[in-house]
Amino acid sequence: METFFQQFGSKIKGVLTGFDRIVFKGCLRHLSYAEGAARFLARRGVLNKDYKAWMRAQSAALVAACERIALEQTGVGITHIPSLRERKEELAHARMREKGVASGLVGVWSCTESCRTFRAAFDPGAGRPRLCPDNSKCKHLYF
């Protein structure tokens, strides 16, 4: 955690601490609707037809970075959970008991769950592909 503070210290306005864990949920508003996501991709030079491949590459890089963090800090890579009904808190508590961990990162788990995403589809009115909202299943990571 110290390297995080060293790297981003100038941007941190305060620190929260808790007994067990704190769950943060948020939304990057400009990525939550198709036009905002299209502008985000356009600024990066990603064409609509290349959206899927680009996103898969970004996801793979993110998962690889999370795998490295998990291995460095816990000695165990990402653990796949076969069912979204599995209680992640119980898994974390079991790992804490098993490894004798009192604080810090206990583990990283992944599970395939439903999510909101986008897909590129041809828009006859515009004469080109456009991003459309879609429902899918994707990998969720739990730290």
N, C-alpha and C. Protein backbone atom coordinates (compact mmCIF):
# COMPACT_ATOMS: atom_id res chain seq x y z
N MET A 1 0.81 -1.18 0.00
CA MET A 1 0.00 0.00 0.00
C MET A 1 0.86 1.25 0.00
N GLU A 2 2.04 1.16 0.58
CA GLU A 2 2.91 2.34 0.66
C GLU A 2 3.28 2.84 -0.73
N THR A 3 3.54 1.92 -1.68
CA THR A 3 3.90 2.37 -3.03
C THR A 3 2.73 3.10 -3.68
N PHE A 4 1.51 2.73 -3.37
CA PHE A 4 0.34 3.43 -3.89
C PHE A 4 0.35 4.87 -3.40
N PHE A 5 0.60 5.07 -2.11
CA PHE A 5 0.65 6.42 -1.55
C PHE A 5 1.81 7.22 -2.13
N GLN A 6 2.93 6.56 -2.34
CA GLN A 6 4.07 7.26 -2.93
C GLN A 6 3.76 7.71 -4.35
N GLN A 7 3.08 6.84 -5.10
CA GLN A 7 2.79 7.13 -6.50
C GLN A 7 1.69 8.18 -6.66
N PHE A 8 0.65 8.10 -5.84
CA PHE A 8 -0.52 8.96 -6.02
C PHE A 8 -0.75 9.92 -4.85
N GLY A 9 0.24 10.09 -3.98
CA GLY A 9 0.10 10.91 -2.79
C GLY A 9 -0.41 12.31 -3.05
N SER A 10 0.03 12.93 -4.13
CA SER A 10 -0.39 14.31 -4.42
C SER A 10 -1.87 14.39 -4.79
N LYS A 11 -2.48 13.28 -5.17
CA LYS A 11 -3.89 13.26 -5.58
C LYS A 11 -4.82 12.79 -4.47
N ILE A 12 -4.26 12.30 -3.37
CA ILE A 12 -5.06 11.76 -2.27
C ILE A 12 -5.45 12.89 -1.33
N LYS A 13 -6.74 13.00 -1.06
CA LYS A 13 -7.24 14.04 -0.18
C LYS A 13 -7.47 13.54 1.24
N GLY A 14 -7.55 12.24 1.43
CA GLY A 14 -7.78 11.67 2.75
C GLY A 14 -7.68 10.16 2.69
N VAL A 15 -7.71 9.53 3.83
CA VAL A 15 -7.60 8.08 3.91
C VAL A 15 -8.71 7.56 4.82
N LEU A 16 -9.38 6.49 4.37
CA LEU A 16 -10.39 5.82 5.18
C LEU A 16 -9.83 4.51 5.69
N THR A 17 -10.14 4.17 6.91
CA THR A 17 -9.76 2.86 7.42
C THR A 17 -11.00 2.19 7.97
N GLY A 18 -10.97 0.88 8.02
CA GLY A 18 -12.12 0.14 8.51
C GLY A 18 -11.66 -1.11 9.23
N PHE A 19 -12.60 -1.77 9.88
CA PHE A 19 -12.28 -2.97 10.64
C PHE A 19 -11.95 -4.14 9.73
N ASP A 20 -12.72 -4.32 8.66
CA ASP A 20 -12.58 -5.50 7.84
C ASP A 20 -12.33 -5.12 6.38
N ARG A 21 -13.25 -4.43 5.80
CA ARG A 21 -13.10 -4.03 4.41
C ARG A 21 -14.05 -2.88 4.11
N ILE A 22 -13.76 -2.19 3.06
CA ILE A 22 -14.62 -1.12 2.60
C ILE A 22 -14.89 -1.39 1.12
N VAL A 23 -16.14 -1.32 0.73
CA VAL A 23 -16.51 -1.55 -0.65
C VAL A 23 -16.80 -0.21 -1.31
N PHE A 24 -16.09 0.07 -2.38
CA PHE A 24 -16.33 1.28 -3.15
C PHE A 24 -17.01 0.89 -4.45
N LYS A 25 -18.07 1.55 -4.77
CA LYS A 25 -18.72 1.36 -6.05
C LYS A 25 -18.79 2.71 -6.72
N GLY A 26 -18.60 2.71 -7.99
CA GLY A 26 -18.65 3.98 -8.69
C GLY A 26 -18.94 3.76 -10.16
N CYS A 27 -18.99 4.86 -10.84
CA CYS A 27 -19.31 4.82 -12.26
C CYS A 27 -18.51 5.89 -12.97
N LEU A 28 -17.86 5.53 -14.03
CA LEU A 28 -17.22 6.50 -14.89
C LEU A 28 -18.30 6.95 -15.87
N ARG A 29 -18.95 8.04 -15.55
CA ARG A 29 -20.15 8.47 -16.27
C ARG A 29 -19.97 8.51 -17.79
N HIS A 30 -18.83 9.03 -18.24
CA HIS A 30 -18.66 9.14 -19.68
C HIS A 30 -18.50 7.77 -20.36
N LEU A 31 -18.29 6.72 -19.59
CA LEU A 31 -18.21 5.38 -20.16
C LEU A 31 -19.50 4.58 -19.97
N SER A 32 -20.49 5.19 -19.32
CA SER A 32 -21.71 4.44 -19.00
C SER A 32 -22.78 4.56 -20.08
N TYR A 33 -22.55 5.32 -21.12
CA TYR A 33 -23.51 5.41 -22.22
C TYR A 33 -22.74 5.35 -23.54
N ALA A 34 -23.42 4.89 -24.59
CA ALA A 34 -22.76 4.57 -25.86
C ALA A 34 -22.01 5.74 -26.46
N GLU A 35 -22.60 6.92 -26.50
CA GLU A 35 -21.92 8.07 -27.11
C GLU A 35 -20.66 8.45 -26.34
N GLY A 36 -20.73 8.40 -25.01
CA GLY A 36 -19.55 8.71 -24.21
C GLY A 36 -18.45 7.69 -24.43
N ALA A 37 -18.83 6.42 -24.49
CA ALA A 37 -17.84 5.36 -24.75
C ALA A 37 -17.24 5.53 -26.14
N ALA A 38 -18.07 5.91 -27.13
CA ALA A 38 -17.57 6.12 -28.49
C ALA A 38 -16.57 7.27 -28.53
N ARG A 39 -16.84 8.34 -27.80
CA ARG A 39 -15.88 9.47 -27.75
C ARG A 39 -14.58 9.04 -27.07
N PHE A 40 -14.70 8.28 -26.00
CA PHE A 40 -13.52 7.76 -25.30
C PHE A 40 -12.65 6.95 -26.26
N LEU A 41 -13.28 6.05 -27.02
CA LEU A 41 -12.54 5.22 -27.96
C LEU A 41 -11.97 6.03 -29.10
N ALA A 42 -12.73 7.01 -29.60
CA ALA A 42 -12.26 7.85 -30.70
C ALA A 42 -11.00 8.61 -30.29
N ARG A 43 -10.96 9.11 -29.06
CA ARG A 43 -9.77 9.83 -28.58
C ARG A 43 -8.55 8.91 -28.53
N ARG A 44 -8.78 7.63 -28.45
CA ARG A 44 -7.68 6.67 -28.43
C ARG A 44 -7.42 6.04 -29.80
N GLY A 45 -8.16 6.49 -30.81
CA GLY A 45 -7.97 5.98 -32.17
C GLY A 45 -8.52 4.59 -32.40
N VAL A 46 -9.48 4.15 -31.56
CA VAL A 46 -10.06 2.82 -31.70
C VAL A 46 -11.32 2.92 -32.56
N LEU A 47 -11.32 2.24 -33.69
CA LEU A 47 -12.48 2.23 -34.57
C LEU A 47 -13.55 1.31 -34.00
N ASN A 48 -14.81 1.61 -34.30
CA ASN A 48 -15.92 0.77 -33.80
C ASN A 48 -15.73 -0.69 -34.18
N LYS A 49 -15.27 -0.93 -35.40
CA LYS A 49 -15.09 -2.31 -35.85
C LYS A 49 -13.99 -3.04 -35.06
N ASP A 50 -13.10 -2.27 -34.43
CA ASP A 50 -12.01 -2.86 -33.65
C ASP A 50 -12.30 -2.88 -32.16
N TYR A 51 -13.49 -2.42 -31.78
CA TYR A 51 -13.85 -2.28 -30.36
C TYR A 51 -13.67 -3.58 -29.58
N LYS A 52 -14.22 -4.66 -30.09
CA LYS A 52 -14.20 -5.93 -29.35
C LYS A 52 -12.77 -6.41 -29.11
N ALA A 53 -11.95 -6.38 -30.14
CA ALA A 53 -10.56 -6.83 -29.99
C ALA A 53 -9.80 -5.92 -29.04
N TRP A 54 -10.02 -4.61 -29.14
CA TRP A 54 -9.34 -3.66 -28.26
C TRP A 54 -9.73 -3.90 -26.81
N MET A 55 -11.03 -4.08 -26.56
CA MET A 55 -11.50 -4.31 -25.19
C MET A 55 -10.96 -5.63 -24.63
N ARG A 56 -10.92 -6.65 -25.45
CA ARG A 56 -10.36 -7.92 -24.98
C ARG A 56 -8.89 -7.77 -24.59
N ALA A 57 -8.15 -6.99 -25.38
CA ALA A 57 -6.73 -6.76 -25.06
C ALA A 57 -6.60 -5.97 -23.77
N GLN A 58 -7.44 -4.95 -23.57
CA GLN A 58 -7.40 -4.16 -22.33
C GLN A 58 -7.76 -5.03 -21.13
N SER A 59 -8.78 -5.87 -21.30
CA SER A 59 -9.20 -6.76 -20.21
C SER A 59 -8.10 -7.75 -19.86
N ALA A 60 -7.46 -8.30 -20.88
CA ALA A 60 -6.36 -9.26 -20.64
C ALA A 60 -5.21 -8.59 -19.89
N ALA A 61 -4.89 -7.35 -20.27
CA ALA A 61 -3.81 -6.63 -19.58
C ALA A 61 -4.19 -6.35 -18.13
N LEU A 62 -5.44 -5.98 -17.89
CA LEU A 62 -5.90 -5.71 -16.53
C LEU A 62 -5.86 -6.97 -15.68
N VAL A 63 -6.34 -8.08 -16.22
CA VAL A 63 -6.33 -9.34 -15.48
C VAL A 63 -4.89 -9.78 -15.20
N ALA A 64 -3.99 -9.60 -16.16
CA ALA A 64 -2.58 -9.96 -15.95
C ALA A 64 -1.97 -9.12 -14.84
N ALA A 65 -2.28 -7.83 -14.81
CA ALA A 65 -1.76 -6.96 -13.74
C ALA A 65 -2.32 -7.38 -12.39
N CYS A 66 -3.59 -7.73 -12.35
CA CYS A 66 -4.21 -8.19 -11.09
C CYS A 66 -3.61 -9.52 -10.65
N GLU A 67 -3.30 -10.38 -11.59
CA GLU A 67 -2.66 -11.66 -11.27
C GLU A 67 -1.29 -11.41 -10.63
N ARG A 68 -0.52 -10.47 -11.20
CA ARG A 68 0.80 -10.14 -10.63
C ARG A 68 0.65 -9.60 -9.21
N ILE A 69 -0.30 -8.71 -9.00
CA ILE A 69 -0.52 -8.15 -7.66
C ILE A 69 -0.89 -9.26 -6.68
N ALA A 70 -1.80 -10.14 -7.11
CA ALA A 70 -2.22 -11.24 -6.24
C ALA A 70 -1.03 -12.12 -5.87
N LEU A 71 -0.22 -12.48 -6.84
CA LEU A 71 0.94 -13.33 -6.58
C LEU A 71 1.95 -12.65 -5.68
N GLU A 72 2.23 -11.37 -5.94
CA GLU A 72 3.22 -10.63 -5.15
C GLU A 72 2.78 -10.47 -3.70
N GLN A 73 1.51 -10.16 -3.50
CA GLN A 73 1.05 -9.81 -2.16
C GLN A 73 0.48 -10.98 -1.36
N THR A 74 0.03 -12.03 -2.05
CA THR A 74 -0.58 -13.14 -1.31
C THR A 74 0.10 -14.48 -1.56
N GLY A 75 0.91 -14.55 -2.62
CA GLY A 75 1.54 -15.81 -2.97
C GLY A 75 0.60 -16.75 -3.71
N VAL A 76 -0.62 -16.31 -3.95
CA VAL A 76 -1.62 -17.11 -4.66
C VAL A 76 -2.18 -16.25 -5.79
N GLY A 77 -2.30 -16.82 -6.98
CA GLY A 77 -2.87 -16.09 -8.10
C GLY A 77 -4.37 -15.88 -7.94
N ILE A 78 -4.99 -15.41 -8.98
CA ILE A 78 -6.44 -15.20 -8.97
C ILE A 78 -7.12 -16.57 -8.86
N THR A 79 -8.04 -16.67 -7.92
CA THR A 79 -8.79 -17.91 -7.71
C THR A 79 -10.16 -17.77 -8.36
N HIS A 80 -10.45 -18.68 -9.29
CA HIS A 80 -11.75 -18.63 -9.98
C HIS A 80 -12.84 -19.20 -9.08
N ILE A 81 -13.97 -18.51 -9.05
CA ILE A 81 -15.15 -18.97 -8.32
C ILE A 81 -16.15 -19.47 -9.36
N PRO A 82 -16.54 -20.74 -9.32
CA PRO A 82 -17.42 -21.27 -10.36
C PRO A 82 -18.87 -20.76 -10.31
N SER A 83 -19.30 -20.26 -9.15
CA SER A 83 -20.69 -19.82 -9.02
C SER A 83 -20.74 -18.42 -8.46
N LEU A 84 -21.56 -17.57 -9.06
CA LEU A 84 -21.70 -16.21 -8.54
C LEU A 84 -22.44 -16.20 -7.21
N ARG A 85 -23.05 -17.31 -6.84
CA ARG A 85 -23.76 -17.39 -5.56
C ARG A 85 -22.82 -17.65 -4.38
N GLU A 86 -21.59 -18.00 -4.70
CA GLU A 86 -20.59 -18.23 -3.64
C GLU A 86 -20.33 -16.92 -2.91
N ARG A 87 -20.34 -16.96 -1.59
CA ARG A 87 -20.13 -15.73 -0.80
C ARG A 87 -18.64 -15.42 -0.72
N LYS A 88 -18.27 -14.30 -1.32
CA LYS A 88 -16.87 -13.91 -1.38
C LYS A 88 -16.31 -13.61 0.00
N GLU A 89 -17.13 -13.05 0.87
CA GLU A 89 -16.68 -12.73 2.22
C GLU A 89 -16.28 -14.00 2.97
N GLU A 90 -17.06 -15.06 2.80
CA GLU A 90 -16.72 -16.33 3.46
C GLU A 90 -15.41 -16.90 2.92
N LEU A 91 -15.20 -16.76 1.60
CA LEU A 91 -13.93 -17.22 1.01
C LEU A 91 -12.75 -16.44 1.59
N ALA A 92 -12.93 -15.14 1.73
CA ALA A 92 -11.85 -14.29 2.27
C ALA A 92 -11.56 -14.66 3.72
N HIS A 93 -12.61 -14.86 4.52
CA HIS A 93 -12.39 -15.23 5.92
C HIS A 93 -11.72 -16.59 6.04
N ALA A 94 -12.11 -17.53 5.18
CA ALA A 94 -11.47 -18.86 5.20
C ALA A 94 -9.99 -18.73 4.84
N ARG A 95 -9.67 -17.91 3.84
CA ARG A 95 -8.27 -17.71 3.44
C ARG A 95 -7.49 -17.04 4.56
N MET A 96 -8.12 -16.09 5.25
CA MET A 96 -7.45 -15.42 6.37
C MET A 96 -7.07 -16.43 7.45
N ARG A 97 -8.01 -17.31 7.78
CA ARG A 97 -7.73 -18.33 8.79
C ARG A 97 -6.64 -19.30 8.31
N GLU A 98 -6.76 -19.72 7.06
CA GLU A 98 -5.83 -20.69 6.48
C GLU A 98 -4.40 -20.15 6.43
N LYS A 99 -4.23 -18.90 6.02
CA LYS A 99 -2.91 -18.30 5.86
C LYS A 99 -2.44 -17.54 7.09
N GLY A 100 -3.34 -17.34 8.06
CA GLY A 100 -2.97 -16.59 9.25
C GLY A 100 -2.77 -15.11 8.97
N VAL A 101 -3.53 -14.57 8.05
CA VAL A 101 -3.42 -13.17 7.66
C VAL A 101 -4.34 -12.33 8.52
N ALA A 102 -3.80 -11.26 9.10
CA ALA A 102 -4.61 -10.38 9.95
C ALA A 102 -4.98 -9.09 9.23
N SER A 103 -4.15 -8.67 8.27
CA SER A 103 -4.45 -7.43 7.54
C SER A 103 -3.82 -7.49 6.17
N GLY A 104 -4.21 -6.59 5.31
CA GLY A 104 -3.67 -6.54 3.95
C GLY A 104 -4.51 -7.36 3.00
N LEU A 105 -4.00 -7.51 1.81
CA LEU A 105 -4.71 -8.26 0.78
C LEU A 105 -4.71 -9.74 1.13
N VAL A 106 -5.88 -10.32 1.14
CA VAL A 106 -6.04 -11.74 1.49
C VAL A 106 -6.01 -12.60 0.24
N GLY A 107 -6.60 -12.08 -0.84
CA GLY A 107 -6.66 -12.83 -2.08
C GLY A 107 -7.43 -12.06 -3.13
N VAL A 108 -7.40 -12.60 -4.34
CA VAL A 108 -8.16 -12.05 -5.46
C VAL A 108 -8.96 -13.20 -6.05
N TRP A 109 -10.24 -12.98 -6.20
CA TRP A 109 -11.14 -13.99 -6.74
C TRP A 109 -11.78 -13.45 -8.01
N SER A 110 -12.12 -14.35 -8.93
CA SER A 110 -12.81 -13.94 -10.15
C SER A 110 -14.05 -14.79 -10.33
N CYS A 111 -15.06 -14.18 -10.91
CA CYS A 111 -16.31 -14.87 -11.16
C CYS A 111 -16.95 -14.26 -12.40
N THR A 112 -17.57 -15.08 -13.22
CA THR A 112 -18.28 -14.59 -14.39
C THR A 112 -19.69 -14.20 -13.97
N GLU A 113 -20.03 -12.95 -14.20
CA GLU A 113 -21.33 -12.42 -13.80
C GLU A 113 -21.89 -11.55 -14.92
N SER A 114 -23.16 -11.24 -14.84
CA SER A 114 -23.78 -10.39 -15.85
C SER A 114 -23.24 -8.97 -15.74
N CYS A 115 -23.24 -8.27 -16.86
CA CYS A 115 -22.73 -6.90 -16.88
C CYS A 115 -23.33 -6.13 -18.04
N ARG A 116 -23.20 -4.83 -17.96
CA ARG A 116 -23.59 -3.96 -19.06
C ARG A 116 -22.34 -3.72 -19.90
N THR A 117 -22.50 -3.77 -21.20
CA THR A 117 -21.37 -3.56 -22.10
C THR A 117 -21.89 -2.89 -23.36
N PHE A 118 -21.06 -2.84 -24.36
CA PHE A 118 -21.45 -2.29 -25.65
C PHE A 118 -21.05 -3.28 -26.73
N ARG A 119 -21.70 -3.19 -27.87
CA ARG A 119 -21.30 -3.97 -29.04
C ARG A 119 -21.36 -3.04 -30.23
N ALA A 120 -20.51 -3.28 -31.20
CA ALA A 120 -20.53 -2.49 -32.42
C ALA A 120 -21.53 -3.14 -33.37
N ALA A 121 -22.50 -2.34 -33.84
CA ALA A 121 -23.50 -2.83 -34.78
C ALA A 121 -23.67 -1.80 -35.88
N PHE A 122 -23.91 -2.27 -37.09
CA PHE A 122 -24.06 -1.36 -38.23
C PHE A 122 -25.36 -0.58 -38.07
N ASP A 123 -25.24 0.74 -38.21
CA ASP A 123 -26.40 1.64 -38.13
C ASP A 123 -26.70 2.13 -39.54
N PRO A 124 -27.78 1.62 -40.17
CA PRO A 124 -28.09 2.03 -41.55
C PRO A 124 -28.32 3.54 -41.68
N GLY A 125 -28.90 4.16 -40.66
CA GLY A 125 -29.13 5.60 -40.70
C GLY A 125 -27.85 6.40 -40.76
N ALA A 126 -26.84 5.96 -40.03
CA ALA A 126 -25.56 6.65 -40.00
C ALA A 126 -24.63 6.15 -41.11
N GLY A 127 -24.91 4.96 -41.62
CA GLY A 127 -24.07 4.39 -42.67
C GLY A 127 -22.76 3.83 -42.17
N ARG A 128 -22.69 3.58 -40.88
CA ARG A 128 -21.44 3.06 -40.29
C ARG A 128 -21.78 2.32 -39.00
N PRO A 129 -20.83 1.55 -38.49
CA PRO A 129 -21.07 0.88 -37.20
C PRO A 129 -21.11 1.90 -36.07
N ARG A 130 -21.93 1.63 -35.08
CA ARG A 130 -22.00 2.45 -33.87
C ARG A 130 -22.05 1.53 -32.67
N LEU A 131 -21.66 2.07 -31.53
CA LEU A 131 -21.74 1.29 -30.30
C LEU A 131 -23.18 1.30 -29.81
N CYS A 132 -23.64 0.13 -29.40
CA CYS A 132 -24.99 -0.02 -28.85
C CYS A 132 -24.86 -0.66 -27.48
N PRO A 133 -25.71 -0.25 -26.52
CA PRO A 133 -25.68 -0.92 -25.21
C PRO A 133 -26.06 -2.38 -25.36
N ASP A 134 -25.50 -3.21 -24.52
CA ASP A 134 -25.77 -4.64 -24.58
C ASP A 134 -25.60 -5.25 -23.19
N ASN A 135 -26.22 -6.37 -22.97
CA ASN A 135 -26.03 -7.15 -21.75
C ASN A 135 -25.15 -8.34 -22.11
N SER A 136 -24.26 -8.68 -21.22
CA SER A 136 -23.35 -9.78 -21.47
C SER A 136 -22.95 -10.40 -20.14
N LYS A 137 -21.99 -11.27 -20.19
CA LYS A 137 -21.37 -11.81 -19.00
C LYS A 137 -19.90 -11.49 -19.10
N CYS A 138 -19.32 -11.08 -17.97
CA CYS A 138 -17.90 -10.74 -17.99
C CYS A 138 -17.27 -11.12 -16.66
N LYS A 139 -15.95 -11.11 -16.67
CA LYS A 139 -15.19 -11.47 -15.48
C LYS A 139 -15.20 -10.31 -14.49
N HIS A 140 -15.59 -10.59 -13.26
CA HIS A 140 -15.53 -9.62 -12.18
C HIS A 140 -14.40 -10.07 -11.26
N LEU A 141 -13.62 -9.12 -10.80
CA LEU A 141 -12.52 -9.43 -9.89
C LEU A 141 -12.83 -8.86 -8.52
N TYR A 142 -12.60 -9.66 -7.49
CA TYR A 142 -12.84 -9.27 -6.11
C TYR A 142 -11.52 -9.33 -5.36
N PHE A 143 -11.11 -8.19 -4.81
CA PHE A 143 -9.88 -8.11 -4.02
C PHE A 143 -10.24 -8.16 -2.55
